[in-house]
Amino acid sequence: MSSTTHPHVKVIEGMTAAAINGDKDALAKIFTDDMQFHVRGPLPKVGDHDGVDGFTDVIGTIFEVTEGDVNIEALLISANDTWATEWEHAVLGRNGQKLDTHNVFTYRFEGDRIAEMWMVCTAPAGSEAFWS
């Protein structure tokens, strides 16, 4: 069964809220202890990161560089008992510039916790300059 009303959708929504609020305690309950976070695309800290600290390091860097000018809209979240996918529209601001991007997230669950997460930024060509 795959659904936008699957309980894992609420977990993802809670994870997003906790990430935006920098709530590491909430994230520690949402992620498995050995969670892996894979970041791809024109973003800071592309690569593979471990645990809550690795995740918050990447997300914190995005919020730091943009001075919090991050607007996120979840377009669709779909889940089953093991996997979930999210499509997101994000508009980021930095130094008077805007980066309008669509991102794709894939989540692998173990029970009701996120064990692995892939973030793929599909920003237009040349978007790397936004981060320099």
N, C-alpha and C. Protein backbone atom coordinates (compact mmCIF):
# COMPACT_ATOMS: atom_id res chain seq x y z
N MET A 1 0.84 -1.18 0.00
CA MET A 1 0.00 0.00 0.00
C MET A 1 0.88 1.24 0.00
N SER A 2 0.60 2.16 -0.89
CA SER A 2 1.31 3.43 -0.96
C SER A 2 0.28 4.54 -0.85
N SER A 3 0.61 5.55 -0.08
CA SER A 3 -0.41 6.55 0.16
C SER A 3 0.19 7.86 0.63
N THR A 4 -0.53 8.94 0.37
CA THR A 4 -0.13 10.23 0.93
C THR A 4 -0.67 10.37 2.34
N THR A 5 -1.46 9.40 2.84
CA THR A 5 -1.96 9.43 4.21
C THR A 5 -1.31 8.36 5.08
N HIS A 6 -0.30 7.69 4.57
CA HIS A 6 0.43 6.69 5.33
C HIS A 6 1.07 7.37 6.55
N PRO A 7 1.18 6.69 7.69
CA PRO A 7 1.78 7.30 8.89
C PRO A 7 3.18 7.88 8.66
N HIS A 8 3.93 7.32 7.72
CA HIS A 8 5.28 7.84 7.46
C HIS A 8 5.25 9.25 6.88
N VAL A 9 4.13 9.64 6.26
CA VAL A 9 4.00 11.01 5.77
C VAL A 9 4.07 11.98 6.95
N LYS A 10 3.40 11.66 8.03
CA LYS A 10 3.43 12.50 9.24
C LYS A 10 4.84 12.55 9.83
N VAL A 11 5.56 11.44 9.77
CA VAL A 11 6.94 11.41 10.27
C VAL A 11 7.79 12.40 9.46
N ILE A 12 7.63 12.38 8.15
CA ILE A 12 8.40 13.28 7.28
C ILE A 12 8.03 14.73 7.55
N GLU A 13 6.74 15.01 7.71
CA GLU A 13 6.32 16.37 8.02
C GLU A 13 6.89 16.83 9.37
N GLY A 14 6.93 15.93 10.34
CA GLY A 14 7.52 16.25 11.64
C GLY A 14 9.02 16.46 11.54
N MET A 15 9.68 15.68 10.70
CA MET A 15 11.12 15.82 10.49
C MET A 15 11.42 17.18 9.87
N THR A 16 10.62 17.58 8.89
CA THR A 16 10.82 18.88 8.24
C THR A 16 10.66 20.01 9.25
N ALA A 17 9.63 19.95 10.06
CA ALA A 17 9.41 20.99 11.08
C ALA A 17 10.57 21.03 12.07
N ALA A 18 11.03 19.86 12.51
CA ALA A 18 12.14 19.79 13.46
C ALA A 18 13.43 20.34 12.82
N ALA A 19 13.65 20.05 11.54
CA ALA A 19 14.84 20.55 10.85
C ALA A 19 14.81 22.07 10.75
N ILE A 20 13.66 22.62 10.40
CA ILE A 20 13.53 24.08 10.27
C ILE A 20 13.74 24.75 11.62
N ASN A 21 13.27 24.11 12.68
CA ASN A 21 13.39 24.67 14.03
C ASN A 21 14.70 24.31 14.72
N GLY A 22 15.54 23.51 14.07
CA GLY A 22 16.81 23.10 14.66
C GLY A 22 16.63 22.25 15.91
N ASP A 23 15.58 21.45 15.95
CA ASP A 23 15.25 20.63 17.13
C ASP A 23 15.92 19.26 17.04
N LYS A 24 17.17 19.21 17.52
CA LYS A 24 17.94 17.96 17.45
C LYS A 24 17.32 16.83 18.29
N ASP A 25 16.67 17.18 19.40
CA ASP A 25 16.05 16.15 20.23
C ASP A 25 14.91 15.46 19.47
N ALA A 26 14.10 16.25 18.79
CA ALA A 26 13.01 15.67 17.99
C ALA A 26 13.58 14.83 16.84
N LEU A 27 14.63 15.33 16.19
CA LEU A 27 15.24 14.59 15.08
C LEU A 27 15.82 13.27 15.57
N ALA A 28 16.39 13.25 16.76
CA ALA A 28 16.97 12.02 17.31
C ALA A 28 15.90 10.94 17.50
N LYS A 29 14.66 11.35 17.73
CA LYS A 29 13.57 10.39 17.86
C LYS A 29 13.02 9.95 16.51
N ILE A 30 13.22 10.77 15.49
CA ILE A 30 12.71 10.49 14.14
C ILE A 30 13.69 9.63 13.35
N PHE A 31 15.00 9.85 13.55
CA PHE A 31 16.04 9.11 12.83
C PHE A 31 16.51 7.91 13.64
N THR A 32 16.92 6.85 12.94
CA THR A 32 17.59 5.76 13.63
C THR A 32 18.96 6.28 14.07
N ASP A 33 19.58 5.59 15.03
CA ASP A 33 20.88 6.03 15.55
C ASP A 33 21.95 6.06 14.47
N ASP A 34 21.83 5.17 13.47
CA ASP A 34 22.84 5.08 12.42
C ASP A 34 22.34 5.65 11.08
N MET A 35 21.40 6.58 11.14
CA MET A 35 20.82 7.17 9.93
C MET A 35 21.91 7.74 9.03
N GLN A 36 21.72 7.56 7.73
CA GLN A 36 22.63 8.12 6.74
C GLN A 36 21.88 9.12 5.88
N PHE A 37 22.52 10.25 5.60
CA PHE A 37 21.94 11.34 4.82
C PHE A 37 22.84 11.56 3.60
N HIS A 38 22.28 11.39 2.41
CA HIS A 38 23.02 11.52 1.16
C HIS A 38 22.55 12.79 0.44
N VAL A 39 23.46 13.70 0.15
CA VAL A 39 23.14 14.99 -0.46
C VAL A 39 23.77 15.06 -1.84
N ARG A 40 22.93 15.37 -2.85
CA ARG A 40 23.41 15.46 -4.24
C ARG A 40 22.86 16.73 -4.87
N GLY A 41 23.60 17.28 -5.82
CA GLY A 41 23.16 18.46 -6.55
C GLY A 41 23.91 19.70 -6.10
N PRO A 42 23.58 20.85 -6.68
CA PRO A 42 24.29 22.07 -6.34
C PRO A 42 23.86 22.60 -4.97
N LEU A 43 24.45 22.04 -3.94
CA LEU A 43 24.18 22.41 -2.55
C LEU A 43 25.49 22.42 -1.78
N PRO A 44 25.54 23.10 -0.63
CA PRO A 44 26.72 22.97 0.21
C PRO A 44 26.78 21.57 0.82
N LYS A 45 27.97 21.10 1.07
CA LYS A 45 28.21 19.83 1.79
C LYS A 45 27.64 18.62 1.07
N VAL A 46 27.77 18.59 -0.25
CA VAL A 46 27.37 17.41 -1.02
C VAL A 46 28.18 16.23 -0.54
N GLY A 47 27.53 15.09 -0.40
CA GLY A 47 28.21 13.89 0.03
C GLY A 47 27.33 13.09 0.96
N ASP A 48 27.96 12.22 1.72
CA ASP A 48 27.25 11.32 2.62
C ASP A 48 27.57 11.72 4.06
N HIS A 49 26.52 11.77 4.89
CA HIS A 49 26.64 12.26 6.26
C HIS A 49 25.94 11.29 7.20
N ASP A 50 26.48 11.15 8.40
CA ASP A 50 25.96 10.18 9.36
C ASP A 50 25.21 10.86 10.50
N GLY A 51 24.05 10.29 10.83
CA GLY A 51 23.32 10.64 12.03
C GLY A 51 22.73 12.04 12.06
N VAL A 52 22.15 12.34 13.23
CA VAL A 52 21.52 13.64 13.45
C VAL A 52 22.54 14.76 13.25
N ASP A 53 23.77 14.57 13.75
CA ASP A 53 24.78 15.62 13.62
C ASP A 53 25.13 15.89 12.17
N GLY A 54 25.27 14.84 11.36
CA GLY A 54 25.55 15.03 9.94
C GLY A 54 24.42 15.75 9.24
N PHE A 55 23.19 15.36 9.55
CA PHE A 55 22.01 16.00 8.96
C PHE A 55 21.93 17.47 9.36
N THR A 56 22.06 17.76 10.66
CA THR A 56 21.92 19.15 11.11
C THR A 56 23.08 20.01 10.63
N ASP A 57 24.25 19.42 10.40
CA ASP A 57 25.37 20.16 9.85
C ASP A 57 25.03 20.67 8.44
N VAL A 58 24.49 19.79 7.61
CA VAL A 58 24.13 20.17 6.24
C VAL A 58 23.00 21.19 6.24
N ILE A 59 21.92 20.88 6.93
CA ILE A 59 20.76 21.77 6.94
C ILE A 59 21.11 23.10 7.61
N GLY A 60 21.89 23.04 8.69
CA GLY A 60 22.31 24.26 9.38
C GLY A 60 23.15 25.15 8.48
N THR A 61 24.00 24.55 7.67
CA THR A 61 24.82 25.33 6.73
C THR A 61 23.94 26.04 5.72
N ILE A 62 22.92 25.37 5.20
CA ILE A 62 22.01 26.00 4.24
C ILE A 62 21.31 27.20 4.90
N PHE A 63 20.83 27.01 6.14
CA PHE A 63 20.16 28.11 6.84
C PHE A 63 21.13 29.23 7.19
N GLU A 64 22.37 28.89 7.52
CA GLU A 64 23.37 29.90 7.85
C GLU A 64 23.73 30.73 6.64
N VAL A 65 24.01 30.08 5.53
CA VAL A 65 24.44 30.78 4.31
C VAL A 65 23.32 31.67 3.77
N THR A 66 22.09 31.23 3.91
CA THR A 66 20.95 32.01 3.41
C THR A 66 20.39 32.97 4.47
N GLU A 67 20.98 32.95 5.65
CA GLU A 67 20.49 33.75 6.79
C GLU A 67 19.01 33.46 7.04
N GLY A 68 18.62 32.20 6.85
CA GLY A 68 17.25 31.78 7.13
C GLY A 68 16.24 32.10 6.04
N ASP A 69 16.70 32.64 4.92
CA ASP A 69 15.79 32.97 3.82
C ASP A 69 15.52 31.70 3.01
N VAL A 70 14.71 30.83 3.60
CA VAL A 70 14.39 29.52 3.02
C VAL A 70 12.88 29.34 3.05
N ASN A 71 12.29 29.21 1.89
CA ASN A 71 10.84 28.97 1.78
C ASN A 71 10.63 27.62 1.11
N ILE A 72 9.98 26.72 1.83
CA ILE A 72 9.81 25.35 1.37
C ILE A 72 8.32 25.03 1.25
N GLU A 73 7.97 24.38 0.14
CA GLU A 73 6.60 23.91 -0.06
C GLU A 73 6.66 22.45 -0.49
N ALA A 74 6.12 21.58 0.34
CA ALA A 74 6.02 20.17 -0.04
C ALA A 74 4.93 20.03 -1.09
N LEU A 75 5.28 19.49 -2.24
CA LEU A 75 4.32 19.33 -3.33
C LEU A 75 3.59 18.00 -3.24
N LEU A 76 4.31 16.96 -2.82
CA LEU A 76 3.72 15.63 -2.70
C LEU A 76 4.62 14.77 -1.82
N ILE A 77 4.00 14.06 -0.90
CA ILE A 77 4.72 13.06 -0.12
C ILE A 77 3.92 11.77 -0.24
N SER A 78 4.59 10.70 -0.64
CA SER A 78 3.94 9.41 -0.79
C SER A 78 4.78 8.37 -0.06
N ALA A 79 4.10 7.42 0.61
CA ALA A 79 4.84 6.47 1.43
C ALA A 79 4.18 5.10 1.45
N ASN A 80 5.02 4.10 1.73
CA ASN A 80 4.53 2.77 2.10
C ASN A 80 5.28 2.37 3.36
N ASP A 81 5.28 1.11 3.71
CA ASP A 81 5.86 0.69 4.99
C ASP A 81 7.38 0.80 5.07
N THR A 82 8.06 0.85 3.92
CA THR A 82 9.52 0.91 3.93
C THR A 82 10.08 2.17 3.27
N TRP A 83 9.39 2.67 2.25
CA TRP A 83 9.91 3.78 1.45
C TRP A 83 8.96 4.96 1.43
N ALA A 84 9.53 6.14 1.23
CA ALA A 84 8.72 7.34 1.01
C ALA A 84 9.48 8.25 0.05
N THR A 85 8.73 9.04 -0.68
CA THR A 85 9.30 10.01 -1.60
C THR A 85 8.60 11.34 -1.40
N GLU A 86 9.39 12.41 -1.48
CA GLU A 86 8.83 13.75 -1.34
C GLU A 86 9.34 14.61 -2.49
N TRP A 87 8.44 15.39 -3.07
CA TRP A 87 8.79 16.39 -4.05
C TRP A 87 8.55 17.74 -3.40
N GLU A 88 9.55 18.62 -3.51
CA GLU A 88 9.50 19.89 -2.79
C GLU A 88 9.89 21.03 -3.73
N HIS A 89 9.24 22.17 -3.54
CA HIS A 89 9.65 23.41 -4.21
C HIS A 89 10.29 24.29 -3.14
N ALA A 90 11.49 24.77 -3.39
CA ALA A 90 12.19 25.62 -2.43
C ALA A 90 12.68 26.88 -3.14
N VAL A 91 12.53 28.00 -2.45
CA VAL A 91 13.09 29.27 -2.92
C VAL A 91 14.00 29.76 -1.80
N LEU A 92 15.28 29.90 -2.13
CA LEU A 92 16.30 30.32 -1.17
C LEU A 92 16.81 31.70 -1.56
N GLY A 93 17.10 32.52 -0.57
CA GLY A 93 17.64 33.85 -0.84
C GLY A 93 19.03 34.00 -0.26
N ARG A 94 19.87 34.74 -0.99
CA ARG A 94 21.23 35.00 -0.49
C ARG A 94 21.81 36.19 -1.24
N ASN A 95 22.27 37.18 -0.48
CA ASN A 95 22.93 38.37 -1.07
C ASN A 95 22.10 38.99 -2.19
N GLY A 96 20.79 39.10 -1.99
CA GLY A 96 19.92 39.71 -2.99
C GLY A 96 19.57 38.82 -4.16
N GLN A 97 20.06 37.58 -4.15
CA GLN A 97 19.76 36.63 -5.23
C GLN A 97 18.76 35.60 -4.74
N LYS A 98 18.04 35.00 -5.67
CA LYS A 98 17.11 33.92 -5.35
C LYS A 98 17.51 32.67 -6.12
N LEU A 99 17.39 31.54 -5.44
CA LEU A 99 17.58 30.24 -6.08
C LEU A 99 16.26 29.51 -5.98
N ASP A 100 15.63 29.29 -7.12
CA ASP A 100 14.34 28.61 -7.21
C ASP A 100 14.61 27.19 -7.67
N THR A 101 14.30 26.24 -6.83
CA THR A 101 14.68 24.86 -7.12
C THR A 101 13.57 23.89 -6.74
N HIS A 102 13.63 22.75 -7.36
CA HIS A 102 12.77 21.63 -6.98
C HIS A 102 13.71 20.54 -6.46
N ASN A 103 13.32 19.94 -5.35
CA ASN A 103 14.15 18.92 -4.72
C ASN A 103 13.35 17.65 -4.58
N VAL A 104 14.07 16.55 -4.62
CA VAL A 104 13.46 15.23 -4.46
C VAL A 104 14.13 14.56 -3.27
N PHE A 105 13.33 14.01 -2.39
CA PHE A 105 13.82 13.27 -1.23
C PHE A 105 13.30 11.86 -1.30
N THR A 106 14.16 10.92 -0.99
CA THR A 106 13.75 9.52 -0.84
C THR A 106 14.15 9.10 0.55
N TYR A 107 13.24 8.40 1.22
CA TYR A 107 13.45 7.98 2.60
C TYR A 107 13.30 6.47 2.69
N ARG A 108 14.20 5.85 3.45
CA ARG A 108 14.05 4.43 3.78
C ARG A 108 13.79 4.35 5.28
N PHE A 109 12.70 3.68 5.61
CA PHE A 109 12.29 3.55 7.01
C PHE A 109 12.68 2.20 7.58
N GLU A 110 12.99 2.19 8.84
CA GLU A 110 13.09 0.96 9.65
C GLU A 110 12.07 1.17 10.75
N GLY A 111 10.98 0.42 10.71
CA GLY A 111 9.88 0.65 11.63
C GLY A 111 9.27 2.00 11.34
N ASP A 112 9.18 2.84 12.36
CA ASP A 112 8.60 4.17 12.17
C ASP A 112 9.65 5.27 12.18
N ARG A 113 10.93 4.88 11.97
CA ARG A 113 12.02 5.87 11.99
C ARG A 113 12.74 5.90 10.64
N ILE A 114 13.26 7.07 10.30
CA ILE A 114 14.01 7.24 9.06
C ILE A 114 15.42 6.70 9.26
N ALA A 115 15.80 5.72 8.42
CA ALA A 115 17.12 5.10 8.51
C ALA A 115 18.08 5.64 7.46
N GLU A 116 17.52 6.10 6.35
CA GLU A 116 18.36 6.61 5.27
C GLU A 116 17.54 7.64 4.49
N MET A 117 18.24 8.67 4.04
CA MET A 117 17.56 9.78 3.37
C MET A 117 18.46 10.30 2.26
N TRP A 118 17.88 10.48 1.07
CA TRP A 118 18.58 11.06 -0.06
C TRP A 118 17.92 12.39 -0.38
N MET A 119 18.73 13.45 -0.53
CA MET A 119 18.25 14.76 -0.96
C MET A 119 18.92 15.09 -2.27
N VAL A 120 18.11 15.27 -3.32
CA VAL A 120 18.64 15.58 -4.64
C VAL A 120 18.08 16.92 -5.06
N CYS A 121 18.96 17.89 -5.21
CA CYS A 121 18.58 19.23 -5.64
C CYS A 121 18.63 19.28 -7.16
N THR A 122 17.54 19.69 -7.78
CA THR A 122 17.49 19.75 -9.24
C THR A 122 17.47 21.20 -9.71
N ALA A 123 18.34 22.03 -9.13
CA ALA A 123 18.43 23.44 -9.50
C ALA A 123 18.95 23.58 -10.93
N PRO A 124 18.64 24.70 -11.57
CA PRO A 124 19.09 24.93 -12.93
C PRO A 124 20.62 24.98 -13.03
N ALA A 125 21.13 24.74 -14.24
CA ALA A 125 22.57 24.81 -14.50
C ALA A 125 23.09 26.18 -14.07
N GLY A 126 24.26 26.20 -13.49
CA GLY A 126 24.88 27.44 -13.03
C GLY A 126 24.51 27.83 -11.61
N SER A 127 23.67 27.02 -10.94
CA SER A 127 23.21 27.34 -9.60
C SER A 127 24.31 27.27 -8.56
N GLU A 128 25.42 26.62 -8.88
CA GLU A 128 26.51 26.51 -7.93
C GLU A 128 27.00 27.88 -7.49
N ALA A 129 26.92 28.87 -8.39
CA ALA A 129 27.40 30.23 -8.09
C ALA A 129 26.61 30.86 -6.94
N PHE A 130 25.37 30.44 -6.74
CA PHE A 130 24.55 30.97 -5.64
C PHE A 130 25.23 30.74 -4.30
N TRP A 131 25.93 29.62 -4.15
CA TRP A 131 26.52 29.23 -2.87
C TRP A 131 27.92 29.80 -2.67
N SER A 132 28.56 30.37 -3.73
CA SER A 132 29.93 30.87 -3.55
C SER A 132 29.98 32.30 -3.08
